[in-house]
Amino acid sequence: MRHLLVPTDFSQSATNAMQYAAILAREFDASVTLAYIHSLPMDPMRIGEVSAELYRDGEAQINDAATDLRERGLRVEVRVELGTPTARLKSIIQNSDVDFVVMGCQGEHYIPAKFFGSTTTALMDEVSVPILAVPNDFAPAFPQKIVWATDAVPVRTTETLFPLFDLVDRATTELNVYHYRGRKAAEFPEKRIKELLQDVRYDLFTQANDGATVEQAIRGFIRTIKADLLVLVHRDSRWLSRVLMSSNTRQAVWTSPVPVLILQEQLSFAH
């Protein structure tokens, strides 16, 4: 974790994410890029009069935020761009050394439109770096009680979990590995979990299907142990991932009471 990208639209959730990113940057001695993406007008006839005043206001606000972080001893760069947020953020990530993204999300009581995910969930289909989604009502603090919610599909490479290992190394408690069998029970890859976590402090919890959805079961476990970070592995299924807007990862980001770290596992497909 060397270079954090923190997009902002100056909302409460984005401001909260910025504070969380500052904690991580200090802990890992990482640099920070703050990004403000000013959207184009919906009406193409108005592109020539792109709200210049709002653009300047946004530029002033993000520079003020950067100054505040620099005064706290952090290395901060600012990017102000015009365009579609997901596309511009993807470009920043691909053309720089960003290795971790911290973004805001609405949190537990947000009900998203079925076919329109947030920028956070849209971006996770477009990039390969980990994304941390921070709810707007979560008080930023370095995570101490971390839950990795696993499914029946084994993680292919240990490298996928490296950002998680970095956090666990600095936490005061062991990693909590949680598996809910759900409605379609499949064999849990416990052997593979042990291989992946052979050098990590962890406890393993499995829960039989009790009629709850996966998301409900995860939220219940988080509350029971008072966790402060949920970790999920998001697998790149290309077009399918974009169509299945009710996937477990999206539901978790939309409804989690604690920040969600999305680790990206890139799979290969023939075209």
C-alpha atoms as a PDB file:
ATOM      1  CA  MET A   1       0.000   0.000   0.000  1.00  0.00           C
ATOM      2  CA  ARG A   2       2.143   2.829  -1.334  1.00  0.00           C
ATOM      3  CA  HIS A   3      -0.156   5.175  -3.270  1.00  0.00           C
ATOM      4  CA  LEU A   4      -3.814   5.787  -2.383  1.00  0.00           C
ATOM      5  CA  LEU A   5      -6.359   7.287  -4.768  1.00  0.00           C
ATOM      6  CA  VAL A   6      -9.208   9.081  -2.990  1.00  0.00           C
ATOM      7  CA  PRO A   7     -11.994  10.355  -5.289  1.00  0.00           C
ATOM      8  CA  THR A   8     -14.284  13.012  -3.843  1.00  0.00           C
ATOM      9  CA  ASP A   9     -17.518  14.755  -4.729  1.00  0.00           C
ATOM     10  CA  PHE A  10     -17.422  16.611  -1.383  1.00  0.00           C
ATOM     11  CA  SER A  11     -20.321  14.569   0.009  1.00  0.00           C
ATOM     12  CA  GLN A  12     -20.317  13.339   3.605  1.00  0.00           C
ATOM     13  CA  SER A  13     -19.367   9.820   2.498  1.00  0.00           C
ATOM     14  CA  ALA A  14     -16.471  11.110   0.374  1.00  0.00           C
ATOM     15  CA  THR A  15     -15.216  13.305   3.221  1.00  0.00           C
ATOM     16  CA  ASN A  16     -15.407  10.329   5.576  1.00  0.00           C
ATOM     17  CA  ALA A  17     -13.429   8.215   3.102  1.00  0.00           C
ATOM     18  CA  MET A  18     -10.779  10.930   2.909  1.00  0.00           C
ATOM     19  CA  GLN A  19     -10.322  10.824   6.691  1.00  0.00           C
ATOM     20  CA  TYR A  20     -10.026   7.024   6.576  1.00  0.00           C
ATOM     21  CA  ALA A  21      -7.464   7.288   3.775  1.00  0.00           C
ATOM     22  CA  ALA A  22      -5.420   9.726   5.870  1.00  0.00           C
ATOM     23  CA  ILE A  23      -5.223   7.124   8.663  1.00  0.00           C
ATOM     24  CA  LEU A  24      -4.050   4.437   6.225  1.00  0.00           C
ATOM     25  CA  ALA A  25      -1.559   6.766   4.531  1.00  0.00           C
ATOM     26  CA  ARG A  26       0.020   7.645   7.855  1.00  0.00           C
ATOM     27  CA  GLU A  27       0.183   3.994   8.948  1.00  0.00           C
ATOM     28  CA  PHE A  28       1.758   2.782   5.697  1.00  0.00           C
ATOM     29  CA  ASP A  29       3.709   5.950   4.816  1.00  0.00           C
ATOM     30  CA  ALA A  30       1.764   6.089   1.544  1.00  0.00           C
ATOM     31  CA  SER A  31       1.242   9.031  -0.768  1.00  0.00           C
ATOM     32  CA  VAL A  32      -2.294  10.236  -1.568  1.00  0.00           C
ATOM     33  CA  THR A  33      -3.912  11.459  -4.771  1.00  0.00           C
ATOM     34  CA  LEU A  34      -7.170  13.347  -4.290  1.00  0.00           C
ATOM     35  CA  ALA A  35      -9.326  13.304  -7.419  1.00  0.00           C
ATOM     36  CA  TYR A  36     -12.310  15.483  -8.304  1.00  0.00           C
ATOM     37  CA  ILE A  37     -14.141  14.542 -11.500  1.00  0.00           C
ATOM     38  CA  HIS A  38     -16.468  17.249 -12.778  1.00  0.00           C
ATOM     39  CA  SER A  39     -19.255  15.646 -14.807  1.00  0.00           C
ATOM     40  CA  LEU A  40     -20.256  16.866 -18.241  1.00  0.00           C
ATOM     41  CA  PRO A  41     -23.779  18.337 -18.566  1.00  0.00           C
ATOM     42  CA  MET A  42     -26.481  15.839 -19.518  1.00  0.00           C
ATOM     43  CA  ASP A  43     -27.653  18.202 -22.267  1.00  0.00           C
ATOM     44  CA  PRO A  44     -25.073  18.155 -25.117  1.00  0.00           C
ATOM     45  CA  MET A  45     -26.183  21.663 -26.119  1.00  0.00           C
ATOM     46  CA  ARG A  46     -24.757  22.933 -22.830  1.00  0.00           C
ATOM     47  CA  ILE A  47     -21.267  21.426 -23.150  1.00  0.00           C
ATOM     48  CA  GLY A  48     -19.914  24.791 -24.286  1.00  0.00           C
ATOM     49  CA  GLU A  49     -21.049  26.385 -21.022  1.00  0.00           C
ATOM     50  CA  VAL A  50     -19.773  23.624 -18.703  1.00  0.00           C
ATOM     51  CA  SER A  51     -20.578  25.057 -15.275  1.00  0.00           C
ATOM     52  CA  ALA A  52     -17.241  26.846 -14.993  1.00  0.00           C
ATOM     53  CA  GLU A  53     -18.137  28.314 -11.633  1.00  0.00           C
ATOM     54  CA  LEU A  54     -18.903  24.874 -10.145  1.00  0.00           C
ATOM     55  CA  TYR A  55     -15.673  23.522 -11.647  1.00  0.00           C
ATOM     56  CA  ARG A  56     -13.673  26.312  -9.998  1.00  0.00           C
ATOM     57  CA  ASP A  57     -15.485  25.765  -6.706  1.00  0.00           C
ATOM     58  CA  GLY A  58     -14.645  22.061  -6.837  1.00  0.00           C
ATOM     59  CA  GLU A  59     -11.022  22.825  -7.629  1.00  0.00           C
ATOM     60  CA  ALA A  60     -10.835  25.225  -4.679  1.00  0.00           C
ATOM     61  CA  GLN A  61     -12.430  22.701  -2.309  1.00  0.00           C
ATOM     62  CA  ILE A  62     -10.121  19.852  -3.259  1.00  0.00           C
ATOM     63  CA  ASN A  63      -7.064  22.082  -2.932  1.00  0.00           C
ATOM     64  CA  ASP A  64      -8.244  23.085   0.544  1.00  0.00           C
ATOM     65  CA  ALA A  65      -8.604  19.386   1.436  1.00  0.00           C
ATOM     66  CA  ALA A  66      -5.109  18.680   0.091  1.00  0.00           C
ATOM     67  CA  THR A  67      -3.669  21.536   2.158  1.00  0.00           C
ATOM     68  CA  ASP A  68      -5.302  20.103   5.292  1.00  0.00           C
ATOM     69  CA  LEU A  69      -3.771  16.657   4.658  1.00  0.00           C
ATOM     70  CA  ARG A  70      -0.336  18.126   3.900  1.00  0.00           C
ATOM     71  CA  GLU A  71      -0.445  20.033   7.180  1.00  0.00           C
ATOM     72  CA  ARG A  72      -0.928  16.639   8.825  1.00  0.00           C
ATOM     73  CA  GLY A  73       2.345  15.453   7.293  1.00  0.00           C
ATOM     74  CA  LEU A  74       1.019  13.538   4.267  1.00  0.00           C
ATOM     75  CA  ARG A  75       2.286  13.617   0.686  1.00  0.00           C
ATOM     76  CA  VAL A  76      -0.669  14.720  -1.440  1.00  0.00           C
ATOM     77  CA  GLU A  77      -1.254  15.246  -5.164  1.00  0.00           C
ATOM     78  CA  VAL A  78      -4.437  16.716  -6.664  1.00  0.00           C
ATOM     79  CA  ARG A  79      -6.181  15.695  -9.891  1.00  0.00           C
ATOM     80  CA  VAL A  80      -9.117  17.732 -11.242  1.00  0.00           C
ATOM     81  CA  GLU A  81     -10.626  16.373 -14.450  1.00  0.00           C
ATOM     82  CA  LEU A  82     -13.724  16.694 -16.598  1.00  0.00           C
ATOM     83  CA  GLY A  83     -15.708  13.656 -17.730  1.00  0.00           C
ATOM     84  CA  THR A  84     -17.453  10.497 -16.556  1.00  0.00           C
ATOM     85  CA  PRO A  85     -16.299   9.564 -13.030  1.00  0.00           C
ATOM     86  CA  THR A  86     -15.723   5.840 -13.610  1.00  0.00           C
ATOM     87  CA  ALA A  87     -13.858   6.353 -16.894  1.00  0.00           C
ATOM     88  CA  ARG A  88     -11.683   9.171 -15.564  1.00  0.00           C
ATOM     89  CA  LEU A  89     -10.821   7.323 -12.334  1.00  0.00           C
ATOM     90  CA  LYS A  90      -9.941   4.207 -14.329  1.00  0.00           C
ATOM     91  CA  SER A  91      -7.619   6.305 -16.479  1.00  0.00           C
ATOM     92  CA  ILE A  92      -5.900   7.819 -13.429  1.00  0.00           C
ATOM     93  CA  ILE A  93      -5.347   4.353 -11.946  1.00  0.00           C
ATOM     94  CA  GLN A  94      -4.030   2.863 -15.190  1.00  0.00           C
ATOM     95  CA  ASN A  95      -1.664   5.746 -15.882  1.00  0.00           C
ATOM     96  CA  SER A  96      -0.134   6.111 -12.441  1.00  0.00           C
ATOM     97  CA  ASP A  97       1.276   3.939  -9.679  1.00  0.00           C
ATOM     98  CA  VAL A  98      -1.963   3.876  -7.646  1.00  0.00           C
ATOM     99  CA  ASP A  99      -2.244   0.540  -5.831  1.00  0.00           C
ATOM    100  CA  PHE A 100      -5.228   1.171  -3.523  1.00  0.00           C
ATOM    101  CA  VAL A 101      -8.477   3.165  -3.795  1.00  0.00           C
ATOM    102  CA  VAL A 102     -10.489   4.585  -0.889  1.00  0.00           C
ATOM    103  CA  MET A 103     -14.024   5.742  -1.741  1.00  0.00           C
ATOM    104  CA  GLY A 104     -17.196   6.669   0.068  1.00  0.00           C
ATOM    105  CA  CYS A 105     -20.412   4.657  -0.058  1.00  0.00           C
ATOM    106  CA  GLN A 106     -23.859   5.289   1.375  1.00  0.00           C
ATOM    107  CA  GLY A 107     -23.845   2.398   3.824  1.00  0.00           C
ATOM    108  CA  GLU A 108     -26.360   0.173   5.546  1.00  0.00           C
ATOM    109  CA  HIS A 109     -29.605   2.043   4.902  1.00  0.00           C
ATOM    110  CA  TYR A 110     -28.983   2.940   1.253  1.00  0.00           C
ATOM    111  CA  ILE A 111     -31.375   1.334  -1.229  1.00  0.00           C
ATOM    112  CA  PRO A 112     -29.852   1.491  -4.725  1.00  0.00           C
ATOM    113  CA  ALA A 113     -31.741   1.481  -7.995  1.00  0.00           C
ATOM    114  CA  LYS A 114     -31.465  -2.042  -9.392  1.00  0.00           C
ATOM    115  CA  PHE A 115     -29.653  -1.200 -12.608  1.00  0.00           C
ATOM    116  CA  PHE A 116     -27.637   1.820 -11.479  1.00  0.00           C
ATOM    117  CA  GLY A 117     -24.830   1.021  -9.080  1.00  0.00           C
ATOM    118  CA  SER A 118     -22.713   3.641  -7.384  1.00  0.00           C
ATOM    119  CA  THR A 119     -19.393   4.777  -8.820  1.00  0.00           C
ATOM    120  CA  THR A 120     -17.734   2.541  -6.233  1.00  0.00           C
ATOM    121  CA  THR A 121     -19.412  -0.639  -7.435  1.00  0.00           C
ATOM    122  CA  ALA A 122     -19.040   0.390 -11.079  1.00  0.00           C
ATOM    123  CA  LEU A 123     -15.299   0.955 -10.668  1.00  0.00           C
ATOM    124  CA  MET A 124     -14.648  -2.477  -9.163  1.00  0.00           C
ATOM    125  CA  ASP A 125     -15.514  -4.033 -12.542  1.00  0.00           C
ATOM    126  CA  GLU A 126     -13.051  -1.800 -14.350  1.00  0.00           C
ATOM    127  CA  VAL A 127      -9.803  -1.918 -12.369  1.00  0.00           C
ATOM    128  CA  SER A 128      -7.567  -4.513 -10.744  1.00  0.00           C
ATOM    129  CA  VAL A 129      -6.508  -2.604  -7.609  1.00  0.00           C
ATOM    130  CA  PRO A 130      -8.214  -3.102  -4.218  1.00  0.00           C
ATOM    131  CA  ILE A 131     -11.066  -0.719  -3.381  1.00  0.00           C
ATOM    132  CA  LEU A 132     -12.056   0.255   0.139  1.00  0.00           C
ATOM    133  CA  ALA A 133     -15.651   1.518   0.409  1.00  0.00           C
ATOM    134  CA  VAL A 134     -16.292   3.586   3.556  1.00  0.00           C
ATOM    135  CA  PRO A 135     -19.898   4.221   4.732  1.00  0.00           C
ATOM    136  CA  ASN A 136     -20.801   7.829   5.407  1.00  0.00           C
ATOM    137  CA  ASP A 137     -21.745   7.215   9.043  1.00  0.00           C
ATOM    138  CA  PHE A 138     -18.700   5.132  10.024  1.00  0.00           C
ATOM    139  CA  ALA A 139     -16.197   6.856  12.306  1.00  0.00           C
ATOM    140  CA  PRO A 140     -12.771   6.448  10.618  1.00  0.00           C
ATOM    141  CA  ALA A 141     -10.236   4.410  12.590  1.00  0.00           C
ATOM    142  CA  PHE A 142      -7.562   1.877  11.720  1.00  0.00           C
ATOM    143  CA  PRO A 143      -9.284  -1.555  11.549  1.00  0.00           C
ATOM    144  CA  GLN A 144      -8.746  -3.851  14.511  1.00  0.00           C
ATOM    145  CA  LYS A 145     -11.385  -6.554  14.047  1.00  0.00           C
ATOM    146  CA  ILE A 146     -11.387  -7.750  10.446  1.00  0.00           C
ATOM    147  CA  VAL A 147     -13.788 -10.225   8.821  1.00  0.00           C
ATOM    148  CA  TRP A 148     -12.977 -11.976   5.558  1.00  0.00           C
ATOM    149  CA  ALA A 149     -16.252 -13.407   4.258  1.00  0.00           C
ATOM    150  CA  THR A 150     -15.432 -16.349   1.995  1.00  0.00           C
ATOM    151  CA  ASP A 151     -17.481 -18.389  -0.433  1.00  0.00           C
ATOM    152  CA  ALA A 152     -17.025 -21.899  -1.826  1.00  0.00           C
ATOM    153  CA  VAL A 153     -14.725 -20.742  -4.648  1.00  0.00           C
ATOM    154  CA  PRO A 154     -11.049 -20.964  -3.596  1.00  0.00           C
ATOM    155  CA  VAL A 155      -8.830 -17.903  -4.007  1.00  0.00           C
ATOM    156  CA  ARG A 156      -6.323 -18.722  -6.725  1.00  0.00           C
ATOM    157  CA  THR A 157      -3.267 -16.760  -5.667  1.00  0.00           C
ATOM    158  CA  THR A 158      -1.949 -15.601  -2.319  1.00  0.00           C
ATOM    159  CA  GLU A 159      -1.077 -12.234  -3.890  1.00  0.00           C
ATOM    160  CA  THR A 160      -4.781 -11.397  -4.050  1.00  0.00           C
ATOM    161  CA  LEU A 161      -4.807 -11.337  -0.236  1.00  0.00           C
ATOM    162  CA  PHE A 162      -1.643  -9.275   0.306  1.00  0.00           C
ATOM    163  CA  PRO A 163      -3.529  -6.022   1.147  1.00  0.00           C
ATOM    164  CA  LEU A 164      -5.514  -7.971   3.739  1.00  0.00           C
ATOM    165  CA  PHE A 165      -2.331  -9.421   5.233  1.00  0.00           C
ATOM    166  CA  ASP A 166      -0.846  -5.920   5.538  1.00  0.00           C
ATOM    167  CA  LEU A 167      -3.843  -4.799   7.585  1.00  0.00           C
ATOM    168  CA  VAL A 168      -3.931  -7.928   9.767  1.00  0.00           C
ATOM    169  CA  ASP A 169      -0.222  -7.503  10.551  1.00  0.00           C
ATOM    170  CA  ARG A 170      -1.008  -4.122  12.121  1.00  0.00           C
ATOM    171  CA  ALA A 171      -4.276  -5.071  13.832  1.00  0.00           C
ATOM    172  CA  THR A 172      -4.428  -6.112  17.474  1.00  0.00           C
ATOM    173  CA  THR A 173      -6.655  -9.155  16.925  1.00  0.00           C
ATOM    174  CA  GLU A 174      -6.597 -12.161  14.626  1.00  0.00           C
ATOM    175  CA  LEU A 175      -8.371 -12.274  11.263  1.00  0.00           C
ATOM    176  CA  ASN A 176     -11.917 -13.672  11.427  1.00  0.00           C
ATOM    177  CA  VAL A 177     -12.625 -15.921   8.419  1.00  0.00           C
ATOM    178  CA  TYR A 178     -16.387 -16.357   7.998  1.00  0.00           C
ATOM    179  CA  HIS A 179     -18.266 -18.740   5.711  1.00  0.00           C
ATOM    180  CA  TYR A 180     -22.046 -18.977   5.406  1.00  0.00           C
ATOM    181  CA  ARG A 181     -23.253 -22.029   3.532  1.00  0.00           C
ATOM    182  CA  GLY A 182     -26.270 -20.278   2.070  1.00  0.00           C
ATOM    183  CA  ARG A 183     -29.114 -21.896   0.189  1.00  0.00           C
ATOM    184  CA  LYS A 184     -26.928 -23.680  -2.344  1.00  0.00           C
ATOM    185  CA  ALA A 185     -24.533 -25.535  -0.088  1.00  0.00           C
ATOM    186  CA  ALA A 186     -21.161 -26.352  -1.608  1.00  0.00           C
ATOM    187  CA  GLU A 187     -18.051 -27.874  -0.108  1.00  0.00           C
ATOM    188  CA  PHE A 188     -16.078 -25.273   1.801  1.00  0.00           C
ATOM    189  CA  PRO A 189     -12.390 -25.143   0.656  1.00  0.00           C
ATOM    190  CA  GLU A 190     -10.968 -25.289   4.178  1.00  0.00           C
ATOM    191  CA  LYS A 191      -7.709 -26.884   3.048  1.00  0.00           C
ATOM    192  CA  ARG A 192      -7.086 -24.041   0.610  1.00  0.00           C
ATOM    193  CA  ILE A 193      -7.914 -21.470   3.290  1.00  0.00           C
ATOM    194  CA  LYS A 194      -5.307 -23.015   5.579  1.00  0.00           C
ATOM    195  CA  GLU A 195      -2.722 -22.902   2.795  1.00  0.00           C
ATOM    196  CA  LEU A 196      -3.412 -19.246   2.054  1.00  0.00           C
ATOM    197  CA  LEU A 197      -3.368 -18.221   5.705  1.00  0.00           C
ATOM    198  CA  GLN A 198      -0.499 -20.383   6.965  1.00  0.00           C
ATOM    199  CA  ASP A 199       1.449 -17.311   8.121  1.00  0.00           C
ATOM    200  CA  VAL A 200      -1.564 -15.320   9.355  1.00  0.00           C
ATOM    201  CA  ARG A 201      -3.286 -15.186  12.747  1.00  0.00           C
ATOM    202  CA  TYR A 202      -6.887 -16.209  12.159  1.00  0.00           C
ATOM    203  CA  ASP A 203     -10.014 -17.904  13.496  1.00  0.00           C
ATOM    204  CA  LEU A 204     -12.376 -19.783  11.202  1.00  0.00           C
ATOM    205  CA  PHE A 205     -16.149 -19.595  11.602  1.00  0.00           C
ATOM    206  CA  THR A 206     -18.656 -21.523   9.481  1.00  0.00           C
ATOM    207  CA  GLN A 207     -22.421 -21.108   9.741  1.00  0.00           C
ATOM    208  CA  ALA A 208     -25.097 -23.492   8.483  1.00  0.00           C
ATOM    209  CA  ASN A 209     -27.942 -22.146   6.383  1.00  0.00           C
ATOM    210  CA  ASP A 210     -30.663 -20.747   8.644  1.00  0.00           C
ATOM    211  CA  GLY A 211     -32.814 -19.180   5.938  1.00  0.00           C
ATOM    212  CA  ALA A 212     -31.041 -15.830   5.867  1.00  0.00           C
ATOM    213  CA  THR A 213     -29.510 -14.394   2.706  1.00  0.00           C
ATOM    214  CA  VAL A 214     -25.719 -14.262   2.485  1.00  0.00           C
ATOM    215  CA  GLU A 215     -25.780 -10.493   3.044  1.00  0.00           C
ATOM    216  CA  GLN A 216     -28.008 -10.819   6.124  1.00  0.00           C
ATOM    217  CA  ALA A 217     -25.775 -13.537   7.578  1.00  0.00           C
ATOM    218  CA  ILE A 218     -22.632 -11.465   7.051  1.00  0.00           C
ATOM    219  CA  ARG A 219     -24.179  -8.378   8.650  1.00  0.00           C
ATOM    220  CA  GLY A 220     -25.309 -10.478  11.611  1.00  0.00           C
ATOM    221  CA  PHE A 221     -21.798 -11.892  12.117  1.00  0.00           C
ATOM    222  CA  ILE A 222     -20.255  -8.423  11.863  1.00  0.00           C
ATOM    223  CA  ARG A 223     -22.547  -7.151  14.602  1.00  0.00           C
ATOM    224  CA  THR A 224     -22.020 -10.217  16.798  1.00  0.00           C
ATOM    225  CA  ILE A 225     -18.230  -9.883  16.951  1.00  0.00           C
ATOM    226  CA  LYS A 226     -18.272  -6.065  16.582  1.00  0.00           C
ATOM    227  CA  ALA A 227     -16.087  -6.138  13.472  1.00  0.00           C
ATOM    228  CA  ASP A 228     -14.895  -2.884  11.921  1.00  0.00           C
ATOM    229  CA  LEU A 229     -13.854  -4.066   8.433  1.00  0.00           C
ATOM    230  CA  LEU A 230     -15.397  -6.542   5.988  1.00  0.00           C
ATOM    231  CA  VAL A 231     -13.195  -8.062   3.267  1.00  0.00           C
ATOM    232  CA  LEU A 232     -14.533  -9.668   0.083  1.00  0.00           C
ATOM    233  CA  VAL A 233     -12.860 -11.101  -3.009  1.00  0.00           C
ATOM    234  CA  HIS A 234     -14.394  -9.790  -6.232  1.00  0.00           C
ATOM    235  CA  ARG A 235     -13.839 -11.991  -9.262  1.00  0.00           C
ATOM    236  CA  ASP A 236     -13.669 -10.455 -12.708  1.00  0.00           C
ATOM    237  CA  SER A 237     -16.453 -12.055 -14.715  1.00  0.00           C
ATOM    238  CA  ARG A 238     -16.410  -9.318 -17.342  1.00  0.00           C
ATOM    239  CA  TRP A 239     -19.813  -8.693 -18.914  1.00  0.00           C
ATOM    240  CA  LEU A 240     -21.565 -11.108 -16.551  1.00  0.00           C
ATOM    241  CA  SER A 241     -20.348  -9.159 -13.533  1.00  0.00           C
ATOM    242  CA  ARG A 242     -21.853  -5.992 -14.966  1.00  0.00           C
ATOM    243  CA  VAL A 243     -25.230  -7.649 -15.570  1.00  0.00           C
ATOM    244  CA  LEU A 244     -25.632  -9.328 -12.174  1.00  0.00           C
ATOM    245  CA  MET A 245     -26.171  -6.156 -10.177  1.00  0.00           C
ATOM    246  CA  SER A 246     -27.460  -8.162  -7.203  1.00  0.00           C
ATOM    247  CA  SER A 247     -24.133  -9.968  -6.670  1.00  0.00           C
ATOM    248  CA  ASN A 248     -22.947 -10.518  -3.102  1.00  0.00           C
ATOM    249  CA  THR A 249     -20.146  -7.968  -3.453  1.00  0.00           C
ATOM    250  CA  ARG A 250     -22.467  -5.187  -4.579  1.00  0.00           C
ATOM    251  CA  GLN A 251     -25.029  -5.987  -1.932  1.00  0.00           C
ATOM    252  CA  ALA A 252     -22.328  -5.894   0.728  1.00  0.00           C
ATOM    253  CA  VAL A 253     -21.039  -2.513  -0.451  1.00  0.00           C
ATOM    254  CA  TRP A 254     -24.569  -1.128  -0.559  1.00  0.00           C
ATOM    255  CA  THR A 255     -25.640  -2.423   2.849  1.00  0.00           C
ATOM    256  CA  SER A 256     -22.581  -2.987   5.074  1.00  0.00           C
ATOM    257  CA  PRO A 257     -22.506  -1.128   8.409  1.00  0.00           C
ATOM    258  CA  VAL A 258     -18.679  -1.121   8.287  1.00  0.00           C
ATOM    259  CA  PRO A 259     -16.126  -0.360   5.553  1.00  0.00           C
ATOM    260  CA  VAL A 260     -15.759  -3.013   2.842  1.00  0.00           C
ATOM    261  CA  LEU A 261     -12.387  -3.887   1.324  1.00  0.00           C
ATOM    262  CA  ILE A 262     -12.840  -5.341  -2.155  1.00  0.00           C
ATOM    263  CA  LEU A 263      -9.877  -7.457  -3.228  1.00  0.00           C
ATOM    264  CA  GLN A 264      -9.684  -8.037  -6.957  1.00  0.00           C
ATOM    265  CA  GLU A 265      -9.002 -11.481  -8.359  1.00  0.00           C
ATOM    266  CA  GLN A 266      -8.448 -11.306 -12.087  1.00  0.00           C
ATOM    267  CA  LEU A 267      -9.551 -14.363 -14.048  1.00  0.00           C
ATOM    268  CA  SER A 268      -8.667 -15.173 -17.634  1.00  0.00           C
ATOM    269  CA  PHE A 269     -11.295 -15.742 -20.287  1.00  0.00           C
ATOM    270  CA  ALA A 270     -11.032 -16.711 -23.909  1.00  0.00           C
ATOM    271  CA  HIS A 271     -12.480 -14.184 -26.359  1.00  0.00           C
END
